[in-house]
Structures are given as C-alpha cells and as structure tokens.
Amino acid sequence: MENVFDVLKQRGFVKQFTHEDEIREMLGKEKVTFYIGFDPTADSLHVGHFVQLMAMSHLQKAGHRPIFLAGGGTGMIGDPSGRTDMRQMMTPETIQHNVNCFIEQSKRLIDLSEGNAIIENNANWLLDLNYVSFIREIGRHFSVNRMLTAECFKNRMEKGLSFFEFNYMIMQSYDFLELFRRYGCRLQLGGDDQWSNIIAGADLIRRVEGESAYGMTFTLLTTSEGQKMGKTQSGAVWLDPNKTSPFEFYQYWRNVADADVENCLSLLTFLPMDEVKRLGSLEGAEINKAKEVLAFEVTKLVHGEEEAKKAEEAAKALFGEGALGGSVPSTEISKGEFTDGIDVITLLSKAELIPSRGEGRRLIQQGGIVINDEKITDINTLITLDFFKDDTLMIKKGKKTYHQIRLID
C-alpha cells in the first residue's frame, strides 16, 4: 500500500514538516495518532478548513487515527496568526454552539465514530488551569525572544500584540502536550499559518517528556496568482448550506480560473491523480468539462450527491441546457407587493444582492443587472407582475450570480 505521506506530497498538500524522513517512516510502518485543531471562530467551517479535512480523511483512509480538536478553550482568546487586529471575543455559549456546528459538518468527510477517531475539546483542560501552576510548569520552557520572531505574531507587532493574544502559542503548545499524554499523539497537522505554533508544541513535548513529536503543515488554498481562495463579493465560501447554498457552492468551483483547476481537483477531490492530470491538461472550451467535474465532486463531498446533482442541473438550466430546478438561491415575496410595482433597486435589496442602494445604482448604470435575459439600464425601472412567468423571475448580477424571485400569496 502506498505511503500516505507520498500521497499527500503528490497531491500538493504538504508545505513544511519538522522531520521529513521520520514522519514518512512513521506513517508507513505504524498506526499514528495525529491531530488538527479547529478554533470555532464562526458557526460554520469554510473552504480553508476543507483542505485540512481532506488531508485528515486521506490519513484516516490509510489507517491512522485522527483527533478532531475543537478549540473551546483557545477560542476564548483567538489565534493572532495572520491577523492585523484582535479577534472579536465570543461568549462561552457562542463558542460551544460553533463547536457543535464544526463537528456535525466534519462528519461528511471524517468518520468520527468511536474507535475510528477521537473528538476532543481543549476547554476540557484549558479552562480550569491554575495560572501560577501553569506558568511554573509550562511557561518556563518558552523564550520570549524566540516567540517574538515567530511568523504568527509578525502581522500583529505593528499595531501592538496584547499579552492576552501572546498566550495563544503557549496554549496551543500545551494542547499538543495534553494529547500526547492522553492519547499518545505524536503528530500535529495544520495550515501553514500554524507553523510557529506547531513547532513550539513539538519542542514542548521534547522538553517536558523527553519524547519526539512531529509537525506538518498544509498548503493554503490559493490561486495560481497566490491569492487566497474561498472568498466571494458577498464573503466567505462556507460549508453550511444555509450560509452558502449548494448552488452557490457549486458555482464557485465551476467558475475557478483555468490555471487553478488541476490544483483544486488534486486537493479537494479523491479522484485518482492520473484523472486529475488529464482533466487539468484540457484546454480551451474543454477545460469547462473539468470545471464541471470539480464543482460536482466538491459539492458532493460537502453537501451530498443529491444536492450536487440539483446544483448541476440548475447550473445547466441557466445556460439553456435543461429545466431549472430549485437549487438556485431564491427569495419569496408576496404577490401583492408587485401590484403597483417595486423599483428595481428595492428588489435587489430585498434579495440581498446589494449592500446599499448606491451599489445598486452603480451596478445598473454599468450594465451589471439582467432580469429575465433583459439588461436593466434605468435605475427607476418598476418591476411588476408582468415580469413574472409561472410566478418566478430570474435576476443575473454580473457574470456569475443568479437569484430567483418567487411569488407567494
């Protein structure tokens, strides 16, 4: 059986590692307990987390045991990595709700059943720590001079790094030590922005327990131009269907740049690499077939095959290839509101397609709004019942955003 370390490298996951040869050997000859931590900063995972879940799934399929560590404790502070300002503090109730959402969403990709994985929450050991005892036992192993050079703090130094946030690296390192003690966990994985925290944790285990521990980071999901993926005009691309609908999710991947198709297929699907290479090498109009495969496979993993099929059918219908299904994002509005007509900017606001009326005027003046295949050029256009067919109309914003308005009695 192929070593999963080689699989991860071939598919482009691996960015950095503490000890390449030792990690590869360990993953090839024994069942390894590893962990990835997820701080519950929102009530949904996003596509950046998705890369890590995919790596976790590859490792689990190869026989290794994952620990899904929810950051119920570290979430009380917030990771300063890559930040220029301090994260908003959340209540314990919000943090627990977010933790529960993360776990449920992860079950589509990771077998979190007992015996196959471990679900932990660092609140179980962080929230009841005695501060003086913690600093005496753990804090003495950390050099402030060395911490200040860490990548995770660099963006915060200009505006000022609070002592509150400065504790984050020590707490995450302590997580690794606790998981080592409780479950024999010797490998921590995470996004490349976690490199400083990961090597600090491995070093803490060496200092306190005299044992070897290892770390490995994954490539952040970026475009071929180095820009972070997973952002749209309306915000992040979430895994929660109530925040990013399956259709919007499908459309995001259907519309990636040609140069990004192969990388996305490699990281975000389980397609064999031969097929990934074949699809990624398509050119011209043919590359659209590869994008459809990408969009379907990723949507299937996150939302299930049925939702992926609905999204695919809806996307084809928008381009005249089939009957429009119910997967396109929609807004229901009372039929009575259209008796005397609704001005187009108000309609765009009701559909939450614009953040302000000023943005609506700009879009219309620049030709960015199409209703039922007719470009709207007058900001005073009244949308009446005459615009509807079978109690629906379709709004197209820009080149890629579609939204359906449905009449209700």
Protein backbone atom coordinates (compact mmCIF):
# COMPACT_ATOMS: atom_id res chain seq x y z
CA MET A 1 0.00 0.00 0.00
CA GLU A 2 1.31 3.44 -0.94
CA ASN A 3 2.59 5.53 1.98
CA VAL A 4 0.03 8.25 2.72
CA PHE A 5 2.87 10.75 3.17
CA ASP A 6 3.74 10.25 -0.51
CA VAL A 7 0.06 10.60 -1.43
CA LEU A 8 -0.19 13.93 0.39
CA LYS A 9 3.01 15.21 -1.22
CA GLN A 10 1.95 14.11 -4.70
CA ARG A 11 -1.43 15.82 -4.34
CA GLY A 12 0.21 19.06 -3.20
CA PHE A 13 -0.90 19.14 0.45
CA VAL A 14 2.47 19.27 2.19
CA LYS A 15 4.12 22.65 2.72
CA GLN A 16 6.52 22.17 5.67
CA PHE A 17 7.50 19.40 8.08
CA THR A 18 9.72 19.15 11.11
CA HIS A 19 11.40 15.84 10.14
CA GLU A 20 10.55 14.56 6.66
CA ASP A 21 12.21 11.14 6.82
CA GLU A 22 10.96 10.35 10.33
CA ILE A 23 7.38 11.36 9.54
CA ARG A 24 7.34 9.33 6.33
CA GLU A 25 8.75 6.27 8.08
CA MET A 26 6.31 6.59 10.99
CA LEU A 27 3.28 6.90 8.68
CA GLY A 28 4.47 3.91 6.65
CA LYS A 29 5.01 1.37 9.41
CA GLU A 30 2.61 2.10 12.31
CA LYS A 31 -0.84 3.41 13.17
CA VAL A 32 -0.24 7.05 14.03
CA THR A 33 -2.49 9.20 16.20
CA PHE A 34 -2.48 12.75 14.83
CA TYR A 35 -4.49 15.87 15.43
CA ILE A 36 -5.75 19.03 13.79
CA GLY A 37 -7.22 21.86 15.84
CA PHE A 38 -10.18 23.96 14.73
CA ASP A 39 -10.91 27.18 16.58
CA PRO A 40 -14.68 27.87 16.47
CA THR A 41 -14.47 31.45 15.17
CA ALA A 42 -17.81 31.14 13.30
CA ASP A 43 -20.81 28.83 13.20
CA SER A 44 -19.55 27.12 10.04
CA LEU A 45 -16.36 25.76 8.57
CA HIS A 46 -15.19 27.35 5.32
CA VAL A 47 -13.22 26.10 2.32
CA GLY A 48 -9.90 26.82 4.04
CA HIS A 49 -10.83 24.23 6.67
CA PHE A 50 -11.92 21.89 3.87
CA VAL A 51 -8.31 21.35 2.74
CA GLN A 52 -7.37 20.20 6.24
CA LEU A 53 -10.39 17.89 6.46
CA MET A 54 -9.40 16.33 3.14
CA ALA A 55 -5.87 15.68 4.42
CA MET A 56 -7.32 14.24 7.61
CA SER A 57 -9.53 11.95 5.53
CA HIS A 58 -6.58 10.70 3.44
CA LEU A 59 -4.71 9.83 6.64
CA GLN A 60 -7.72 8.09 8.17
CA LYS A 61 -8.31 6.06 5.00
CA ALA A 62 -4.67 4.93 5.28
CA GLY A 63 -5.35 3.52 8.77
CA HIS A 64 -4.25 6.37 11.01
CA ARG A 65 -6.31 7.75 13.89
CA PRO A 66 -7.40 11.39 13.79
CA ILE A 67 -8.13 13.61 16.74
CA PHE A 68 -10.58 16.36 15.88
CA LEU A 69 -9.67 19.01 18.43
CA ALA A 70 -12.26 21.72 18.90
CA GLY A 71 -10.81 24.91 20.32
CA GLY A 72 -13.37 25.62 23.01
CA GLY A 73 -10.54 26.92 25.19
CA THR A 74 -8.23 28.61 22.68
CA GLY A 75 -11.35 30.12 21.07
CA MET A 76 -11.77 32.17 24.24
CA ILE A 77 -8.63 34.07 23.17
CA GLY A 78 -8.40 33.79 19.38
CA ASP A 79 -5.44 32.95 17.19
CA PRO A 80 -3.41 36.06 16.20
CA SER A 81 -1.81 34.22 13.25
CA GLY A 82 -2.15 36.23 10.05
CA ARG A 83 -4.18 38.93 11.79
CA THR A 84 -3.60 42.67 11.84
CA ASP A 85 -6.19 43.21 14.57
CA MET A 86 -7.52 41.33 17.58
CA ARG A 87 -10.35 38.87 17.04
CA GLN A 88 -13.75 39.71 18.50
CA MET A 89 -14.28 37.95 21.82
CA MET A 90 -17.13 35.45 21.93
CA THR A 91 -19.30 34.24 24.77
CA PRO A 92 -18.86 30.64 26.04
CA GLU A 93 -22.35 29.85 24.67
CA THR A 94 -21.45 31.07 21.18
CA ILE A 95 -18.19 29.11 21.24
CA GLN A 96 -19.97 25.89 22.22
CA HIS A 97 -22.60 26.38 19.51
CA ASN A 98 -19.86 26.88 16.92
CA VAL A 99 -18.00 23.79 18.17
CA ASN A 100 -21.15 21.70 17.69
CA CYS A 101 -21.59 23.05 14.14
CA PHE A 102 -17.98 22.23 13.24
CA ILE A 103 -18.28 18.65 14.43
CA GLU A 104 -21.52 18.00 12.54
CA GLN A 105 -20.14 19.41 9.28
CA SER A 106 -16.94 17.38 9.58
CA LYS A 107 -18.83 14.09 9.74
CA ARG A 108 -19.32 14.10 5.96
CA LEU A 109 -15.58 13.75 5.44
CA ILE A 110 -14.26 12.14 8.63
CA ASP A 111 -15.52 9.02 10.36
CA LEU A 112 -15.81 10.43 13.85
CA SER A 113 -17.38 7.31 15.33
CA GLU A 114 -15.90 5.80 18.48
CA GLY A 115 -12.84 3.68 17.79
CA ASN A 116 -12.13 5.35 14.44
CA ALA A 117 -11.44 8.88 15.65
CA ILE A 118 -11.31 10.98 18.80
CA ILE A 119 -13.30 14.15 19.33
CA GLU A 120 -11.75 16.41 21.94
CA ASN A 121 -12.25 19.96 23.16
CA ASN A 122 -9.32 21.82 24.67
CA ALA A 123 -11.74 23.57 27.01
CA ASN A 124 -11.59 20.31 28.98
CA TRP A 125 -8.07 21.12 30.19
CA LEU A 126 -7.52 24.83 29.50
CA LEU A 127 -10.45 26.45 31.28
CA ASP A 128 -9.69 25.06 34.73
CA LEU A 129 -5.92 25.63 34.73
CA ASN A 130 -4.33 27.29 37.73
CA TYR A 131 -2.45 30.19 36.18
CA VAL A 132 0.55 30.21 38.53
CA SER A 133 0.97 26.44 38.31
CA PHE A 134 0.66 26.58 34.52
CA ILE A 135 3.31 29.28 34.17
CA ARG A 136 5.65 27.38 36.51
CA GLU A 137 5.25 24.06 34.70
CA ILE A 138 4.81 25.17 31.08
CA GLY A 139 5.67 28.86 30.70
CA ARG A 140 9.27 28.40 31.82
CA HIS A 141 10.01 26.40 28.66
CA PHE A 142 9.24 29.34 26.34
CA SER A 143 11.71 32.04 25.33
CA VAL A 144 10.03 35.41 24.83
CA ASN A 145 12.80 36.47 22.44
CA ARG A 146 12.16 33.44 20.28
CA MET A 147 8.37 33.84 20.41
CA LEU A 148 8.60 37.42 19.17
CA THR A 149 10.32 36.22 15.99
CA ALA A 150 7.51 33.75 15.22
CA GLU A 151 5.66 34.21 11.95
CA CYS A 152 2.28 34.05 13.69
CA PHE A 153 2.96 37.29 15.57
CA LYS A 154 4.56 39.38 12.81
CA ASN A 155 1.39 40.98 11.46
CA ARG A 156 0.36 41.97 14.97
CA MET A 157 3.58 43.67 16.01
CA GLU A 158 2.97 46.92 14.14
CA LYS A 159 -0.38 47.66 15.77
CA GLY A 160 0.56 46.06 19.07
CA LEU A 161 0.29 42.48 20.30
CA SER A 162 -1.65 42.14 23.54
CA PHE A 163 -0.43 39.86 26.32
CA PHE A 164 -3.87 38.25 26.02
CA GLU A 165 -3.03 37.03 22.48
CA PHE A 166 0.60 36.36 23.33
CA ASN A 167 -0.59 33.41 25.42
CA TYR A 168 -2.07 31.68 22.37
CA MET A 169 1.13 29.91 21.28
CA ILE A 170 1.70 28.55 24.79
CA MET A 171 -1.89 27.28 24.99
CA GLN A 172 -1.76 25.56 21.60
CA SER A 173 1.58 24.01 22.50
CA TYR A 174 0.03 22.74 25.72
CA ASP A 175 -2.76 21.14 23.66
CA PHE A 176 -0.16 19.04 21.85
CA LEU A 177 1.39 18.01 25.18
CA GLU A 178 -2.00 17.05 26.63
CA LEU A 179 -2.94 14.99 23.57
CA PHE A 180 0.46 13.28 23.72
CA ARG A 181 -0.14 12.39 27.36
CA ARG A 182 -3.75 11.29 26.91
CA TYR A 183 -3.65 9.51 23.56
CA GLY A 184 -0.03 9.10 22.53
CA CYS A 185 -0.46 11.74 19.80
CA ARG A 186 2.91 12.44 18.15
CA LEU A 187 1.89 14.39 15.06
CA GLN A 188 0.18 17.76 14.74
CA LEU A 189 -1.09 18.98 11.38
CA GLY A 190 -2.47 22.33 10.30
CA GLY A 191 -2.47 25.14 7.79
CA ASP A 192 0.88 26.72 7.01
CA ASP A 193 -0.03 29.78 9.09
CA GLN A 194 0.20 27.46 12.12
CA TRP A 195 3.85 26.53 11.58
CA SER A 196 5.25 28.52 14.52
CA ASN A 197 2.64 27.13 16.91
CA ILE A 198 3.17 23.56 15.73
CA ILE A 199 6.94 23.53 16.14
CA ALA A 200 6.54 25.16 19.58
CA GLY A 201 4.28 22.28 20.65
CA ALA A 202 6.65 19.60 19.37
CA ASP A 203 9.50 21.32 21.20
CA LEU A 204 7.47 21.45 24.43
CA ILE A 205 6.91 17.67 24.34
CA ARG A 206 10.63 17.15 23.86
CA ARG A 207 11.48 19.42 26.79
CA VAL A 208 8.85 18.16 29.23
CA GLU A 209 8.55 14.47 28.33
CA GLY A 210 11.88 13.82 26.62
CA GLU A 211 10.00 12.29 23.67
CA SER A 212 9.95 13.01 19.95
CA ALA A 213 6.93 14.71 18.38
CA TYR A 214 6.44 15.97 14.86
CA GLY A 215 4.61 18.60 12.87
CA MET A 216 3.50 19.09 9.29
CA THR A 217 1.69 21.95 7.62
CA PHE A 218 -0.51 22.05 4.55
CA THR A 219 -0.55 24.40 1.62
CA LEU A 220 -3.09 27.18 1.98
CA LEU A 221 -5.70 27.13 -0.78
CA THR A 222 -4.58 29.85 -3.18
CA THR A 223 -5.00 30.74 -6.82
CA SER A 224 -2.18 30.40 -9.34
CA GLU A 225 -1.52 34.11 -8.67
CA GLY A 226 -1.05 33.50 -4.95
CA GLN A 227 -4.40 34.95 -3.82
CA LYS A 228 -6.30 33.16 -1.08
CA MET A 229 -9.27 31.19 -2.43
CA GLY A 230 -12.65 30.85 -0.78
CA LYS A 231 -13.76 34.48 -0.91
CA THR A 232 -16.56 36.00 -2.97
CA GLN A 233 -18.03 39.50 -3.20
CA SER A 234 -20.56 38.51 -0.55
CA GLY A 235 -17.98 36.97 1.81
CA ALA A 236 -16.51 33.56 2.60
CA VAL A 237 -17.50 30.31 0.89
CA TRP A 238 -18.97 28.35 3.80
CA LEU A 239 -19.69 24.62 4.17
CA ASP A 240 -23.02 25.35 5.86
CA PRO A 241 -25.76 25.25 3.17
CA ASN A 242 -27.67 28.00 5.00
CA LYS A 243 -24.72 30.39 4.61
CA THR A 244 -23.57 29.33 1.14
CA SER A 245 -26.23 27.37 -0.75
CA PRO A 246 -25.21 24.19 -2.59
CA PHE A 247 -25.86 26.00 -5.88
CA GLU A 248 -23.64 28.96 -4.93
CA PHE A 249 -21.03 26.49 -3.68
CA TYR A 250 -21.16 24.56 -6.96
CA GLN A 251 -20.95 27.76 -8.99
CA TYR A 252 -17.88 28.94 -7.07
CA TRP A 253 -15.89 25.88 -8.17
CA ARG A 254 -17.43 25.89 -11.66
CA ASN A 255 -16.02 29.38 -12.15
CA VAL A 256 -12.45 28.98 -10.91
CA ALA A 257 -9.69 30.14 -13.22
CA ASP A 258 -8.42 27.63 -15.80
CA ALA A 259 -4.98 27.61 -14.18
CA ASP A 260 -6.44 26.57 -10.80
CA VAL A 261 -8.43 23.55 -11.92
CA GLU A 262 -5.74 20.90 -11.51
CA ASN A 263 -4.69 22.12 -8.07
CA CYS A 264 -8.29 22.19 -6.82
CA LEU A 265 -9.01 18.72 -8.22
CA SER A 266 -5.89 17.42 -6.51
CA LEU A 267 -6.58 18.94 -3.09
CA LEU A 268 -10.37 18.87 -2.91
CA THR A 269 -11.40 15.58 -4.54
CA PHE A 270 -10.44 11.93 -4.24
CA LEU A 271 -10.12 11.46 -8.00
CA PRO A 272 -7.00 9.43 -8.96
CA MET A 273 -4.06 11.62 -9.89
CA ASP A 274 -3.98 10.27 -13.45
CA GLU A 275 -7.50 11.60 -13.93
CA VAL A 276 -6.62 14.87 -12.18
CA LYS A 277 -3.69 15.36 -14.57
CA ARG A 278 -5.84 14.53 -17.59
CA LEU A 279 -8.59 16.95 -16.63
CA GLY A 280 -6.11 19.65 -15.67
CA SER A 281 -4.41 19.44 -19.06
CA LEU A 282 -7.59 20.19 -21.04
CA GLU A 283 -7.50 23.45 -22.95
CA GLY A 284 -9.90 25.94 -24.49
CA ALA A 285 -13.59 25.14 -24.14
CA GLU A 286 -12.71 21.61 -22.99
CA ILE A 287 -11.46 22.91 -19.62
CA ASN A 288 -15.08 23.71 -18.76
CA LYS A 289 -15.76 19.97 -18.58
CA ALA A 290 -13.01 19.69 -15.97
CA LYS A 291 -14.55 22.55 -14.00
CA GLU A 292 -17.92 20.79 -14.03
CA VAL A 293 -16.28 17.65 -12.67
CA LEU A 294 -14.54 19.72 -9.99
CA ALA A 295 -17.73 21.51 -8.98
CA PHE A 296 -19.76 18.29 -8.83
CA GLU A 297 -17.15 16.30 -6.87
CA VAL A 298 -16.52 19.01 -4.28
CA THR A 299 -20.23 19.74 -3.83
CA LYS A 300 -20.92 16.02 -3.46
CA LEU A 301 -18.34 15.70 -0.68
CA VAL A 302 -19.68 18.68 1.25
CA HIS A 303 -23.43 18.52 0.59
CA GLY A 304 -24.09 15.00 -0.67
CA GLU A 305 -24.71 13.57 -4.13
CA GLU A 306 -28.36 14.59 -4.33
CA GLU A 307 -27.62 18.27 -3.70
CA ALA A 308 -24.69 18.11 -6.12
CA LYS A 309 -26.99 16.79 -8.87
CA LYS A 310 -29.56 19.52 -8.17
CA ALA A 311 -26.89 22.20 -8.36
CA GLU A 312 -25.51 20.73 -11.57
CA GLU A 313 -28.95 20.62 -13.17
CA ALA A 314 -29.73 24.18 -12.08
CA ALA A 315 -26.42 25.42 -13.48
CA LYS A 316 -27.09 23.76 -16.83
CA ALA A 317 -30.60 25.19 -16.92
CA LEU A 318 -29.25 28.71 -16.54
CA PHE A 319 -27.30 28.17 -19.74
CA GLY A 320 -30.25 26.69 -21.61
CA GLU A 321 -29.36 23.03 -21.20
CA GLY A 322 -32.23 21.82 -19.04
CA ALA A 323 -35.21 22.59 -16.84
CA LEU A 324 -34.49 24.96 -13.98
CA GLY A 325 -34.58 23.20 -10.64
CA GLY A 326 -34.94 24.55 -7.13
CA SER A 327 -31.27 24.86 -6.27
CA VAL A 328 -30.75 28.45 -7.44
CA PRO A 329 -30.78 30.86 -4.46
CA SER A 330 -34.21 32.44 -4.20
CA THR A 331 -36.29 34.95 -2.29
CA GLU A 332 -40.05 34.69 -1.77
CA ILE A 333 -42.02 37.94 -1.95
CA SER A 334 -45.76 38.49 -1.59
CA LYS A 335 -47.56 38.88 -4.92
CA GLY A 336 -49.39 41.92 -3.57
CA GLU A 337 -46.14 43.91 -3.34
CA PHE A 338 -45.89 43.89 -7.14
CA THR A 339 -49.43 45.12 -7.86
CA ASP A 340 -48.18 48.70 -8.23
CA GLY A 341 -44.61 47.62 -8.97
CA ILE A 342 -41.34 47.63 -6.96
CA ASP A 343 -38.43 49.73 -8.16
CA VAL A 344 -35.52 47.56 -9.25
CA ILE A 345 -33.11 48.79 -6.56
CA THR A 346 -35.58 47.91 -3.80
CA LEU A 347 -35.98 44.46 -5.34
CA LEU A 348 -32.20 43.94 -5.37
CA SER A 349 -32.11 44.96 -1.70
CA LYS A 350 -34.92 42.54 -0.78
CA ALA A 351 -32.95 39.75 -2.50
CA GLU A 352 -29.82 40.81 -0.55
CA LEU A 353 -27.91 41.18 -3.81
CA ILE A 354 -26.57 44.63 -2.94
CA PRO A 355 -25.18 46.10 0.30
CA SER A 356 -26.62 49.57 -0.40
CA ARG A 357 -28.82 51.49 -2.81
CA GLY A 358 -25.73 53.31 -4.05
CA GLU A 359 -24.19 49.99 -5.06
CA GLY A 360 -27.45 49.10 -6.82
CA ARG A 361 -27.38 52.30 -8.86
CA ARG A 362 -23.74 51.70 -9.80
CA LEU A 363 -24.44 48.12 -10.92
CA ILE A 364 -27.37 49.13 -13.09
CA GLN A 365 -25.53 52.06 -14.68
CA GLN A 366 -22.61 49.75 -15.52
CA GLY A 367 -24.90 47.14 -17.09
CA GLY A 368 -24.43 44.61 -14.30
CA ILE A 369 -28.10 43.66 -13.74
CA VAL A 370 -30.12 41.43 -16.08
CA ILE A 371 -33.71 40.37 -15.35
CA ASN A 372 -35.19 37.56 -17.43
CA ASP A 373 -32.44 37.97 -20.05
CA GLU A 374 -33.15 41.73 -20.36
CA LYS A 375 -30.44 44.17 -19.27
CA ILE A 376 -31.78 46.81 -16.89
CA THR A 377 -30.34 50.24 -17.70
CA ASP A 378 -32.80 52.58 -15.92
CA ILE A 379 -32.43 52.84 -12.14
CA ASN A 380 -36.13 53.80 -11.92
CA THR A 381 -37.40 50.63 -13.63
CA LEU A 382 -40.53 49.28 -11.92
CA ILE A 383 -40.75 45.50 -11.59
CA THR A 384 -44.39 44.47 -11.92
CA LEU A 385 -46.28 41.20 -12.18
CA ASP A 386 -45.78 41.35 -15.96
CA PHE A 387 -42.12 40.40 -15.40
CA PHE A 388 -43.09 37.04 -13.88
CA LYS A 389 -43.61 33.76 -15.65
CA ASP A 390 -45.09 30.92 -13.60
CA ASP A 391 -44.70 33.20 -10.57
CA THR A 392 -40.89 33.44 -10.93
CA LEU A 393 -38.31 35.78 -12.41
CA MET A 394 -34.55 35.45 -12.65
CA ILE A 395 -32.03 38.13 -11.72
CA LYS A 396 -28.48 37.91 -13.01
CA LYS A 397 -25.89 40.06 -11.22
CA GLY A 398 -22.60 40.39 -13.05
CA LYS A 399 -21.48 37.30 -14.94
CA LYS A 400 -21.88 34.60 -12.33
CA THR A 401 -24.50 35.43 -9.69
CA TYR A 402 -28.08 34.23 -10.24
CA HIS A 403 -31.04 34.77 -7.95
CA GLN A 404 -34.66 33.77 -8.40
CA ILE A 405 -37.65 35.74 -7.12
CA ARG A 406 -40.72 33.64 -6.32
CA LEU A 407 -44.20 34.99 -5.74
CA ILE A 408 -46.24 33.82 -2.79
CA ASP A 409 -49.87 34.64 -2.00
